[in-house]
Amino acid sequence: MFSPQDTADILIEALPYIQKFSGKTIVIKYGGNAMTTPELKAKVMQDITLMKFVGIHPVIVHGGGPDITGFLKKVGKKSEFVSGLRVTDEETMEIVEMVLIGKVNSEIVNLLNRSGNRAIGLSGKDASLIQAKKKLAEVHDNGKTEKVDIGHVGEVAKIREEVVNDLIEQGYIPVIAPVGVGEDGEAYNINADYVAAEVAGALNAEKLLLLTDVEGIYRDFEDKSSFISSLTGKEARQYIEDGIIAGGMIPKVESCLTALDEGAHKTAIIDGRLPHSLLLELFTSQGIGTEIVK
């Protein structure tokens, strides 16, 4: 049990970080267990509420892969993936939009508003916020690389950051679903990590926080003493080349590098399974994840 003095000490420790981040934009990629476990979900909403009330401008980009897979299963449609990307035909794209925008996005907005915030939900279609182009999957076989069309899967061509900035100036918390729109008006399913990176870069965010289901980056994942608390973009690229950063961590790190290249100041990969992980990363001296800086 904390004594009153312990509570005061914690608040004083947080003070310089509150001063540092007040008035700044923090982009949060919301996904993993923090998005599916009710207890963790509630704590994320509390964290974002506190951030907003101390003057930080949070912007949320969310995923929803498990929800999409679950709904496809309900309607008897099998999920298919090529090189980690969901094959998205026209019928699947309709379900992706329904789940991401109609279910996941509206649920997050509702939870934030019930916590005393003013949140507003967006997809890339709203005011052409996320302008997209088709992304082809790369399949590697016998030393050859083949590009495969897997339907309505896209990548970000441009973010209309003025749409988000206008909402921030009006006191809203933007909550963005990773659905983009092409020049032809077609909808595209886009990886939420990459959308968060592009949004953070376009907004010149003070920090991009990627919530994941791992503690961060290790030099050797089997050796917990090899945890890396901070590294530069140059070091991160070298670690990918050397195979130290591999598998599912590669797109997370690539997202951080994209955000830094395009204007974000700092990025961090943090463990969303830890209660109040956002506050621990922002408002404590040691942080909790792996920070990647320019």
C-alpha atoms as a PDB file:
ATOM      1  CA  MET A   1       0.000   0.000   0.000  1.00  0.00           C
ATOM      2  CA  PHE A   2       1.389   3.395  -1.006  1.00  0.00           C
ATOM      3  CA  SER A   3       1.786   6.013   1.684  1.00  0.00           C
ATOM      4  CA  PRO A   4       0.801   9.625   0.911  1.00  0.00           C
ATOM      5  CA  GLN A   5       4.519  10.403   0.564  1.00  0.00           C
ATOM      6  CA  ASP A   6       4.983   7.573  -1.960  1.00  0.00           C
ATOM      7  CA  THR A   7       2.110   8.978  -4.003  1.00  0.00           C
ATOM      8  CA  ALA A   8       3.634  12.454  -3.904  1.00  0.00           C
ATOM      9  CA  ASP A   9       7.031  11.079  -5.002  1.00  0.00           C
ATOM     10  CA  ILE A  10       5.426   9.326  -7.983  1.00  0.00           C
ATOM     11  CA  LEU A  11       3.672  12.511  -9.057  1.00  0.00           C
ATOM     12  CA  ILE A  12       6.868  14.544  -8.721  1.00  0.00           C
ATOM     13  CA  GLU A  13       8.767  11.970 -10.821  1.00  0.00           C
ATOM     14  CA  ALA A  14       6.136  12.333 -13.544  1.00  0.00           C
ATOM     15  CA  LEU A  15       6.164  16.164 -13.489  1.00  0.00           C
ATOM     16  CA  PRO A  16       9.103  16.820 -15.869  1.00  0.00           C
ATOM     17  CA  TYR A  17       7.657  14.363 -18.395  1.00  0.00           C
ATOM     18  CA  ILE A  18       4.227  15.983 -18.195  1.00  0.00           C
ATOM     19  CA  GLN A  19       5.917  19.328 -18.830  1.00  0.00           C
ATOM     20  CA  LYS A  20       7.906  17.837 -21.717  1.00  0.00           C
ATOM     21  CA  PHE A  21       4.954  16.255 -23.517  1.00  0.00           C
ATOM     22  CA  SER A  22       2.211  18.790 -22.747  1.00  0.00           C
ATOM     23  CA  GLY A  23       1.040  20.378 -25.995  1.00  0.00           C
ATOM     24  CA  LYS A  24       2.744  17.660 -28.062  1.00  0.00           C
ATOM     25  CA  THR A  25       1.165  15.009 -30.289  1.00  0.00           C
ATOM     26  CA  ILE A  26       1.622  11.347 -29.375  1.00  0.00           C
ATOM     27  CA  VAL A  27       0.477   8.727 -31.913  1.00  0.00           C
ATOM     28  CA  ILE A  28      -0.552   5.378 -30.413  1.00  0.00           C
ATOM     29  CA  LYS A  29      -0.816   2.219 -32.496  1.00  0.00           C
ATOM     30  CA  TYR A  30      -3.421   0.284 -30.515  1.00  0.00           C
ATOM     31  CA  GLY A  31      -3.455  -3.482 -30.964  1.00  0.00           C
ATOM     32  CA  GLY A  32      -2.601  -6.863 -29.472  1.00  0.00           C
ATOM     33  CA  ASN A  33      -3.811  -8.048 -26.056  1.00  0.00           C
ATOM     34  CA  ALA A  34      -4.330  -4.450 -24.926  1.00  0.00           C
ATOM     35  CA  MET A  35      -7.154  -4.324 -27.437  1.00  0.00           C
ATOM     36  CA  THR A  36      -8.799  -7.684 -26.676  1.00  0.00           C
ATOM     37  CA  THR A  37      -8.453  -8.165 -22.895  1.00  0.00           C
ATOM     38  CA  PRO A  38     -11.193  -6.191 -21.076  1.00  0.00           C
ATOM     39  CA  GLU A  39      -9.005  -5.289 -18.067  1.00  0.00           C
ATOM     40  CA  LEU A  40      -6.153  -4.040 -20.257  1.00  0.00           C
ATOM     41  CA  LYS A  41      -8.566  -2.227 -22.561  1.00  0.00           C
ATOM     42  CA  ALA A  42      -9.961  -0.262 -19.597  1.00  0.00           C
ATOM     43  CA  LYS A  43      -6.465   0.719 -18.449  1.00  0.00           C
ATOM     44  CA  VAL A  44      -5.481   1.907 -21.937  1.00  0.00           C
ATOM     45  CA  MET A  45      -8.541   4.154 -21.969  1.00  0.00           C
ATOM     46  CA  GLN A  46      -7.549   5.515 -18.532  1.00  0.00           C
ATOM     47  CA  ASP A  47      -4.008   6.172 -19.782  1.00  0.00           C
ATOM     48  CA  ILE A  48      -5.238   8.043 -22.843  1.00  0.00           C
ATOM     49  CA  THR A  49      -7.674  10.049 -20.705  1.00  0.00           C
ATOM     50  CA  LEU A  50      -4.904  11.102 -18.326  1.00  0.00           C
ATOM     51  CA  MET A  51      -2.677  12.028 -21.270  1.00  0.00           C
ATOM     52  CA  LYS A  52      -5.419  14.232 -22.699  1.00  0.00           C
ATOM     53  CA  PHE A  53      -6.160  15.958 -19.389  1.00  0.00           C
ATOM     54  CA  VAL A  54      -2.481  16.894 -18.812  1.00  0.00           C
ATOM     55  CA  GLY A  55      -2.360  18.618 -22.199  1.00  0.00           C
ATOM     56  CA  ILE A  56      -1.036  15.865 -24.491  1.00  0.00           C
ATOM     57  CA  HIS A  57      -2.688  15.383 -27.886  1.00  0.00           C
ATOM     58  CA  PRO A  58      -3.175  11.607 -28.348  1.00  0.00           C
ATOM     59  CA  VAL A  59      -3.978  10.236 -31.799  1.00  0.00           C
ATOM     60  CA  ILE A  60      -4.986   6.566 -32.009  1.00  0.00           C
ATOM     61  CA  VAL A  61      -4.553   4.229 -34.964  1.00  0.00           C
ATOM     62  CA  HIS A  62      -6.014   0.788 -34.325  1.00  0.00           C
ATOM     63  CA  GLY A  63      -5.822  -2.652 -35.858  1.00  0.00           C
ATOM     64  CA  GLY A  64      -8.459  -5.364 -35.755  1.00  0.00           C
ATOM     65  CA  GLY A  65      -7.083  -8.473 -37.437  1.00  0.00           C
ATOM     66  CA  PRO A  66      -8.493 -11.002 -34.921  1.00  0.00           C
ATOM     67  CA  ASP A  67     -11.965  -9.414 -35.159  1.00  0.00           C
ATOM     68  CA  ILE A  68     -11.832  -9.610 -38.964  1.00  0.00           C
ATOM     69  CA  THR A  69     -10.717 -13.244 -38.875  1.00  0.00           C
ATOM     70  CA  GLY A  70     -13.464 -14.079 -36.392  1.00  0.00           C
ATOM     71  CA  PHE A  71     -16.199 -12.486 -38.479  1.00  0.00           C
ATOM     72  CA  LEU A  72     -14.969 -14.129 -41.682  1.00  0.00           C
ATOM     73  CA  LYS A  73     -15.157 -17.469 -39.893  1.00  0.00           C
ATOM     74  CA  LYS A  74     -18.738 -16.737 -38.816  1.00  0.00           C
ATOM     75  CA  VAL A  75     -19.811 -16.208 -42.425  1.00  0.00           C
ATOM     76  CA  GLY A  76     -17.944 -19.321 -43.568  1.00  0.00           C
ATOM     77  CA  LYS A  77     -15.102 -17.515 -45.299  1.00  0.00           C
ATOM     78  CA  LYS A  78     -11.559 -18.730 -44.765  1.00  0.00           C
ATOM     79  CA  SER A  79      -8.779 -16.226 -44.035  1.00  0.00           C
ATOM     80  CA  GLU A  80      -5.894 -16.469 -46.460  1.00  0.00           C
ATOM     81  CA  PHE A  81      -2.506 -14.772 -46.162  1.00  0.00           C
ATOM     82  CA  VAL A  82       0.371 -14.255 -48.586  1.00  0.00           C
ATOM     83  CA  SER A  83       3.668 -13.060 -47.096  1.00  0.00           C
ATOM     84  CA  GLY A  84       1.814 -12.001 -43.956  1.00  0.00           C
ATOM     85  CA  LEU A  85      -0.785  -9.937 -45.859  1.00  0.00           C
ATOM     86  CA  ARG A  86      -4.475 -10.832 -45.827  1.00  0.00           C
ATOM     87  CA  VAL A  87      -5.871 -11.754 -49.228  1.00  0.00           C
ATOM     88  CA  THR A  88      -8.697  -9.236 -49.560  1.00  0.00           C
ATOM     89  CA  ASP A  89     -11.220  -9.801 -52.329  1.00  0.00           C
ATOM     90  CA  GLU A  90     -14.235  -7.527 -52.723  1.00  0.00           C
ATOM     91  CA  GLU A  91     -16.406  -9.478 -50.262  1.00  0.00           C
ATOM     92  CA  THR A  92     -13.608  -9.601 -47.672  1.00  0.00           C
ATOM     93  CA  MET A  93     -13.026  -5.842 -48.067  1.00  0.00           C
ATOM     94  CA  GLU A  94     -16.680  -5.189 -47.259  1.00  0.00           C
ATOM     95  CA  ILE A  95     -16.275  -7.229 -44.074  1.00  0.00           C
ATOM     96  CA  VAL A  96     -12.977  -5.470 -43.232  1.00  0.00           C
ATOM     97  CA  GLU A  97     -14.712  -2.085 -43.447  1.00  0.00           C
ATOM     98  CA  MET A  98     -17.701  -3.267 -41.451  1.00  0.00           C
ATOM     99  CA  VAL A  99     -15.523  -4.687 -38.669  1.00  0.00           C
ATOM    100  CA  LEU A 100     -12.832  -1.996 -38.487  1.00  0.00           C
ATOM    101  CA  ILE A 101     -15.092   1.024 -38.900  1.00  0.00           C
ATOM    102  CA  GLY A 102     -18.476  -0.188 -37.706  1.00  0.00           C
ATOM    103  CA  LYS A 103     -17.353  -2.304 -34.753  1.00  0.00           C
ATOM    104  CA  VAL A 104     -13.785  -1.724 -33.565  1.00  0.00           C
ATOM    105  CA  ASN A 105     -13.505   2.000 -34.227  1.00  0.00           C
ATOM    106  CA  SER A 106     -16.917   2.848 -32.790  1.00  0.00           C
ATOM    107  CA  GLU A 107     -16.210   0.759 -29.684  1.00  0.00           C
ATOM    108  CA  ILE A 108     -12.944   2.618 -28.978  1.00  0.00           C
ATOM    109  CA  VAL A 109     -14.629   5.981 -29.529  1.00  0.00           C
ATOM    110  CA  ASN A 110     -17.461   5.003 -27.184  1.00  0.00           C
ATOM    111  CA  LEU A 111     -15.063   3.846 -24.450  1.00  0.00           C
ATOM    112  CA  LEU A 112     -13.057   7.070 -24.652  1.00  0.00           C
ATOM    113  CA  ASN A 113     -16.160   9.247 -24.600  1.00  0.00           C
ATOM    114  CA  ARG A 114     -17.509   7.382 -21.579  1.00  0.00           C
ATOM    115  CA  SER A 115     -14.207   8.215 -19.851  1.00  0.00           C
ATOM    116  CA  GLY A 116     -14.884  11.928 -20.229  1.00  0.00           C
ATOM    117  CA  ASN A 117     -13.079  12.543 -23.505  1.00  0.00           C
ATOM    118  CA  ARG A 118     -14.213  13.944 -26.834  1.00  0.00           C
ATOM    119  CA  ALA A 119     -13.155  11.237 -29.277  1.00  0.00           C
ATOM    120  CA  ILE A 120     -14.140  11.060 -32.918  1.00  0.00           C
ATOM    121  CA  GLY A 121     -13.811   8.084 -35.253  1.00  0.00           C
ATOM    122  CA  LEU A 122     -12.316   8.270 -38.733  1.00  0.00           C
ATOM    123  CA  SER A 123     -11.388   5.976 -41.572  1.00  0.00           C
ATOM    124  CA  GLY A 124      -9.083   6.862 -44.421  1.00  0.00           C
ATOM    125  CA  LYS A 125     -12.162   7.516 -46.527  1.00  0.00           C
ATOM    126  CA  ASP A 126     -13.225  10.461 -44.362  1.00  0.00           C
ATOM    127  CA  ALA A 127     -12.056  13.642 -46.107  1.00  0.00           C
ATOM    128  CA  SER A 128      -9.641  11.358 -48.036  1.00  0.00           C
ATOM    129  CA  LEU A 129      -7.538  11.220 -44.868  1.00  0.00           C
ATOM    130  CA  ILE A 130      -5.515   8.164 -45.973  1.00  0.00           C
ATOM    131  CA  GLN A 131      -4.842   8.262 -49.707  1.00  0.00           C
ATOM    132  CA  ALA A 132      -3.763   4.783 -50.747  1.00  0.00           C
ATOM    133  CA  LYS A 133      -2.424   2.758 -53.644  1.00  0.00           C
ATOM    134  CA  LYS A 134      -2.469  -0.977 -54.285  1.00  0.00           C
ATOM    135  CA  LYS A 135       0.230  -3.042 -52.591  1.00  0.00           C
ATOM    136  CA  LEU A 136       1.470  -6.241 -54.196  1.00  0.00           C
ATOM    137  CA  ALA A 137       2.650  -9.103 -52.010  1.00  0.00           C
ATOM    138  CA  GLU A 138       6.229 -10.242 -52.543  1.00  0.00           C
ATOM    139  CA  VAL A 139       6.654 -14.008 -52.708  1.00  0.00           C
ATOM    140  CA  HIS A 140      10.198 -15.374 -52.493  1.00  0.00           C
ATOM    141  CA  ASP A 141      10.843 -18.769 -54.071  1.00  0.00           C
ATOM    142  CA  ASN A 142      14.150 -20.376 -55.099  1.00  0.00           C
ATOM    143  CA  GLY A 143      15.965 -17.073 -55.013  1.00  0.00           C
ATOM    144  CA  LYS A 144      13.346 -15.352 -57.139  1.00  0.00           C
ATOM    145  CA  THR A 145      10.879 -12.674 -56.051  1.00  0.00           C
ATOM    146  CA  GLU A 146       7.422 -12.595 -57.568  1.00  0.00           C
ATOM    147  CA  LYS A 147       4.864  -9.842 -56.968  1.00  0.00           C
ATOM    148  CA  VAL A 148       1.318 -11.092 -56.451  1.00  0.00           C
ATOM    149  CA  ASP A 149      -1.949  -9.149 -56.573  1.00  0.00           C
ATOM    150  CA  ILE A 150      -3.937 -10.078 -53.443  1.00  0.00           C
ATOM    151  CA  GLY A 151      -6.867  -7.749 -53.938  1.00  0.00           C
ATOM    152  CA  HIS A 152      -7.815  -4.677 -51.923  1.00  0.00           C
ATOM    153  CA  VAL A 153      -4.560  -4.476 -49.978  1.00  0.00           C
ATOM    154  CA  GLY A 154      -2.900  -1.103 -50.019  1.00  0.00           C
ATOM    155  CA  GLU A 155      -0.127   1.104 -48.768  1.00  0.00           C
ATOM    156  CA  VAL A 156      -0.190   4.755 -47.806  1.00  0.00           C
ATOM    157  CA  ALA A 157       0.413   7.230 -50.626  1.00  0.00           C
ATOM    158  CA  LYS A 158      -0.379  10.346 -48.593  1.00  0.00           C
ATOM    159  CA  ILE A 159      -1.822  11.413 -45.251  1.00  0.00           C
ATOM    160  CA  ARG A 160      -3.930  14.579 -45.184  1.00  0.00           C
ATOM    161  CA  GLU A 161      -2.560  15.687 -41.837  1.00  0.00           C
ATOM    162  CA  GLU A 162      -4.630  18.895 -41.815  1.00  0.00           C
ATOM    163  CA  VAL A 163      -7.740  16.770 -41.199  1.00  0.00           C
ATOM    164  CA  VAL A 164      -6.223  15.364 -37.991  1.00  0.00           C
ATOM    165  CA  ASN A 165      -4.722  18.676 -36.909  1.00  0.00           C
ATOM    166  CA  ASP A 166      -8.106  20.417 -37.266  1.00  0.00           C
ATOM    167  CA  LEU A 167      -9.683  17.853 -34.931  1.00  0.00           C
ATOM    168  CA  ILE A 168      -6.840  18.184 -32.417  1.00  0.00           C
ATOM    169  CA  GLU A 169      -7.244  21.968 -32.402  1.00  0.00           C
ATOM    170  CA  GLN A 170     -10.938  21.514 -31.621  1.00  0.00           C
ATOM    171  CA  GLY A 171     -10.100  19.338 -28.626  1.00  0.00           C
ATOM    172  CA  TYR A 172     -10.949  15.934 -30.114  1.00  0.00           C
ATOM    173  CA  ILE A 173      -9.037  12.655 -29.860  1.00  0.00           C
ATOM    174  CA  PRO A 174      -8.895  11.262 -33.424  1.00  0.00           C
ATOM    175  CA  VAL A 175      -9.351   7.470 -33.624  1.00  0.00           C
ATOM    176  CA  ILE A 176      -8.293   6.195 -37.052  1.00  0.00           C
ATOM    177  CA  ALA A 177      -9.230   2.909 -38.740  1.00  0.00           C
ATOM    178  CA  PRO A 178      -6.559   1.736 -41.246  1.00  0.00           C
ATOM    179  CA  VAL A 179      -8.759   1.772 -44.347  1.00  0.00           C
ATOM    180  CA  GLY A 180      -7.446   3.889 -47.213  1.00  0.00           C
ATOM    181  CA  VAL A 181      -9.025   5.179 -50.404  1.00  0.00           C
ATOM    182  CA  GLY A 182      -7.454   5.017 -53.861  1.00  0.00           C
ATOM    183  CA  GLU A 183      -7.654   7.476 -56.747  1.00  0.00           C
ATOM    184  CA  ASP A 184     -10.357   5.264 -58.212  1.00  0.00           C
ATOM    185  CA  GLY A 185     -12.417   5.513 -55.018  1.00  0.00           C
ATOM    186  CA  GLU A 186     -11.694   1.896 -54.113  1.00  0.00           C
ATOM    187  CA  ALA A 187     -11.173   1.017 -50.444  1.00  0.00           C
ATOM    188  CA  TYR A 188      -7.900  -0.593 -49.367  1.00  0.00           C
ATOM    189  CA  ASN A 189      -7.012  -2.609 -46.279  1.00  0.00           C
ATOM    190  CA  ILE A 190      -3.688  -1.305 -44.901  1.00  0.00           C
ATOM    191  CA  ASN A 191      -1.440  -2.645 -42.154  1.00  0.00           C
ATOM    192  CA  ALA A 192      -2.182  -0.542 -39.051  1.00  0.00           C
ATOM    193  CA  ASP A 193       1.498  -0.322 -38.030  1.00  0.00           C
ATOM    194  CA  TYR A 194       2.335   1.336 -41.330  1.00  0.00           C
ATOM    195  CA  VAL A 195      -0.637   3.697 -41.116  1.00  0.00           C
ATOM    196  CA  ALA A 196       0.419   4.725 -37.593  1.00  0.00           C
ATOM    197  CA  ALA A 197       3.954   5.369 -38.844  1.00  0.00           C
ATOM    198  CA  GLU A 198       2.768   7.544 -41.721  1.00  0.00           C
ATOM    199  CA  VAL A 199       0.370   9.455 -39.462  1.00  0.00           C
ATOM    200  CA  ALA A 200       3.126  10.058 -36.884  1.00  0.00           C
ATOM    201  CA  GLY A 201       5.488  11.286 -39.581  1.00  0.00           C
ATOM    202  CA  ALA A 202       2.922  13.560 -41.209  1.00  0.00           C
ATOM    203  CA  LEU A 203       1.994  15.108 -37.844  1.00  0.00           C
ATOM    204  CA  ASN A 204       5.650  15.513 -36.771  1.00  0.00           C
ATOM    205  CA  ALA A 205       4.592  13.662 -33.643  1.00  0.00           C
ATOM    206  CA  GLU A 206       6.727  13.902 -30.544  1.00  0.00           C
ATOM    207  CA  LYS A 207       6.480  10.134 -30.217  1.00  0.00           C
ATOM    208  CA  LEU A 208       4.980   7.045 -31.861  1.00  0.00           C
ATOM    209  CA  LEU A 209       4.079   4.280 -29.400  1.00  0.00           C
ATOM    210  CA  LEU A 210       3.469   0.799 -30.805  1.00  0.00           C
ATOM    211  CA  LEU A 211       1.575  -1.445 -28.388  1.00  0.00           C
ATOM    212  CA  THR A 212       2.637  -5.063 -28.912  1.00  0.00           C
ATOM    213  CA  ASP A 213       2.557  -8.405 -27.104  1.00  0.00           C
ATOM    214  CA  VAL A 214       6.307  -8.519 -26.417  1.00  0.00           C
ATOM    215  CA  GLU A 215       8.535  -6.546 -24.052  1.00  0.00           C
ATOM    216  CA  GLY A 216      10.560  -4.961 -26.853  1.00  0.00           C
ATOM    217  CA  ILE A 217      13.751  -5.892 -28.713  1.00  0.00           C
ATOM    218  CA  TYR A 218      16.406  -8.343 -27.537  1.00  0.00           C
ATOM    219  CA  ARG A 219      19.827  -9.080 -28.975  1.00  0.00           C
ATOM    220  CA  ASP A 220      19.008 -12.692 -28.142  1.00  0.00           C
ATOM    221  CA  PHE A 221      15.349 -13.392 -27.403  1.00  0.00           C
ATOM    222  CA  GLU A 222      16.276 -16.410 -25.271  1.00  0.00           C
ATOM    223  CA  ASP A 223      18.508 -14.245 -23.064  1.00  0.00           C
ATOM    224  CA  LYS A 224      16.326 -11.786 -21.152  1.00  0.00           C
ATOM    225  CA  SER A 225      19.426  -9.887 -19.975  1.00  0.00           C
ATOM    226  CA  SER A 226      20.055  -8.857 -23.605  1.00  0.00           C
ATOM    227  CA  PHE A 227      17.076  -6.473 -23.660  1.00  0.00           C
ATOM    228  CA  ILE A 228      17.709  -3.288 -25.670  1.00  0.00           C
ATOM    229  CA  SER A 229      16.139  -0.209 -24.081  1.00  0.00           C
ATOM    230  CA  SER A 230      17.253   2.267 -26.747  1.00  0.00           C
ATOM    231  CA  LEU A 231      18.838   2.260 -30.183  1.00  0.00           C
ATOM    232  CA  THR A 232      19.250   4.604 -33.130  1.00  0.00           C
ATOM    233  CA  GLY A 233      17.656   4.188 -36.530  1.00  0.00           C
ATOM    234  CA  LYS A 234      21.072   3.334 -37.970  1.00  0.00           C
ATOM    235  CA  GLU A 235      21.575   0.600 -35.360  1.00  0.00           C
ATOM    236  CA  ALA A 236      18.064  -0.746 -35.992  1.00  0.00           C
ATOM    237  CA  ARG A 237      18.728  -1.080 -39.717  1.00  0.00           C
ATOM    238  CA  GLN A 238      21.994  -2.887 -38.992  1.00  0.00           C
ATOM    239  CA  TYR A 239      20.231  -5.267 -36.562  1.00  0.00           C
ATOM    240  CA  ILE A 240      17.703  -6.153 -39.282  1.00  0.00           C
ATOM    241  CA  GLU A 241      20.543  -6.807 -41.721  1.00  0.00           C
ATOM    242  CA  ASP A 242      22.365  -8.949 -39.151  1.00  0.00           C
ATOM    243  CA  GLY A 243      19.228 -10.936 -38.300  1.00  0.00           C
ATOM    244  CA  ILE A 244      19.103  -9.731 -34.681  1.00  0.00           C
ATOM    245  CA  ILE A 245      15.744  -8.145 -35.445  1.00  0.00           C
ATOM    246  CA  ALA A 246      13.728 -10.778 -37.303  1.00  0.00           C
ATOM    247  CA  GLY A 247      10.272 -12.229 -37.926  1.00  0.00           C
ATOM    248  CA  GLY A 248       7.250 -10.255 -36.765  1.00  0.00           C
ATOM    249  CA  MET A 249       9.436  -7.584 -35.157  1.00  0.00           C
ATOM    250  CA  ILE A 250      10.695  -6.408 -38.576  1.00  0.00           C
ATOM    251  CA  PRO A 251       7.483  -4.590 -39.637  1.00  0.00           C
ATOM    252  CA  LYS A 252       7.274  -2.962 -36.186  1.00  0.00           C
ATOM    253  CA  VAL A 253      10.818  -1.629 -36.462  1.00  0.00           C
ATOM    254  CA  GLU A 254      10.323  -0.644 -40.101  1.00  0.00           C
ATOM    255  CA  SER A 255       7.277   1.351 -39.014  1.00  0.00           C
ATOM    256  CA  CYS A 256       9.382   3.167 -36.427  1.00  0.00           C
ATOM    257  CA  LEU A 257      12.040   3.938 -39.035  1.00  0.00           C
ATOM    258  CA  THR A 258       9.419   5.253 -41.471  1.00  0.00           C
ATOM    259  CA  ALA A 259       7.949   7.515 -38.780  1.00  0.00           C
ATOM    260  CA  LEU A 260      11.393   8.905 -37.924  1.00  0.00           C
ATOM    261  CA  ASP A 261      12.322   9.430 -41.577  1.00  0.00           C
ATOM    262  CA  GLU A 262       9.096  11.336 -42.224  1.00  0.00           C
ATOM    263  CA  GLY A 263       9.093  13.682 -39.258  1.00  0.00           C
ATOM    264  CA  ALA A 264       8.344  11.950 -35.937  1.00  0.00           C
ATOM    265  CA  HIS A 265      10.855  12.754 -33.186  1.00  0.00           C
ATOM    266  CA  LYS A 266      10.975   9.440 -31.304  1.00  0.00           C
ATOM    267  CA  THR A 267       9.352   6.020 -31.416  1.00  0.00           C
ATOM    268  CA  ALA A 268       8.966   3.126 -28.988  1.00  0.00           C
ATOM    269  CA  ILE A 269       7.838  -0.486 -29.088  1.00  0.00           C
ATOM    270  CA  ILE A 270       6.189  -1.285 -25.752  1.00  0.00           C
ATOM    271  CA  ASP A 271       4.470  -4.219 -24.089  1.00  0.00           C
ATOM    272  CA  GLY A 272       0.735  -3.587 -24.137  1.00  0.00           C
ATOM    273  CA  ARG A 273       0.166  -6.601 -21.861  1.00  0.00           C
ATOM    274  CA  LEU A 274       1.531  -4.540 -18.972  1.00  0.00           C
ATOM    275  CA  PRO A 275      -1.187  -2.498 -17.243  1.00  0.00           C
ATOM    276  CA  HIS A 276      -0.787   1.264 -17.786  1.00  0.00           C
ATOM    277  CA  SER A 277       2.076   0.672 -20.235  1.00  0.00           C
ATOM    278  CA  LEU A 278       1.504   4.039 -21.940  1.00  0.00           C
ATOM    279  CA  LEU A 279       1.936   5.978 -18.690  1.00  0.00           C
ATOM    280  CA  LEU A 280       4.958   3.919 -17.655  1.00  0.00           C
ATOM    281  CA  GLU A 281       6.655   4.620 -20.993  1.00  0.00           C
ATOM    282  CA  LEU A 282       5.890   8.340 -21.049  1.00  0.00           C
ATOM    283  CA  PHE A 283       6.077   9.416 -17.417  1.00  0.00           C
ATOM    284  CA  THR A 284       8.875   7.369 -15.794  1.00  0.00           C
ATOM    285  CA  SER A 285      12.623   7.805 -16.095  1.00  0.00           C
ATOM    286  CA  GLN A 286      13.348   4.224 -17.176  1.00  0.00           C
ATOM    287  CA  GLY A 287      10.390   3.670 -19.537  1.00  0.00           C
ATOM    288  CA  ILE A 288       9.375   0.105 -20.307  1.00  0.00           C
ATOM    289  CA  GLY A 289       9.967  -0.639 -23.986  1.00  0.00           C
ATOM    290  CA  THR A 290      12.566  -0.251 -26.702  1.00  0.00           C
ATOM    291  CA  GLU A 291      12.946   3.340 -27.862  1.00  0.00           C
ATOM    292  CA  ILE A 292      14.160   3.980 -31.398  1.00  0.00           C
ATOM    293  CA  VAL A 293      15.433   7.497 -32.112  1.00  0.00           C
ATOM    294  CA  LYS A 294      16.919   9.333 -35.078  1.00  0.00           C
END
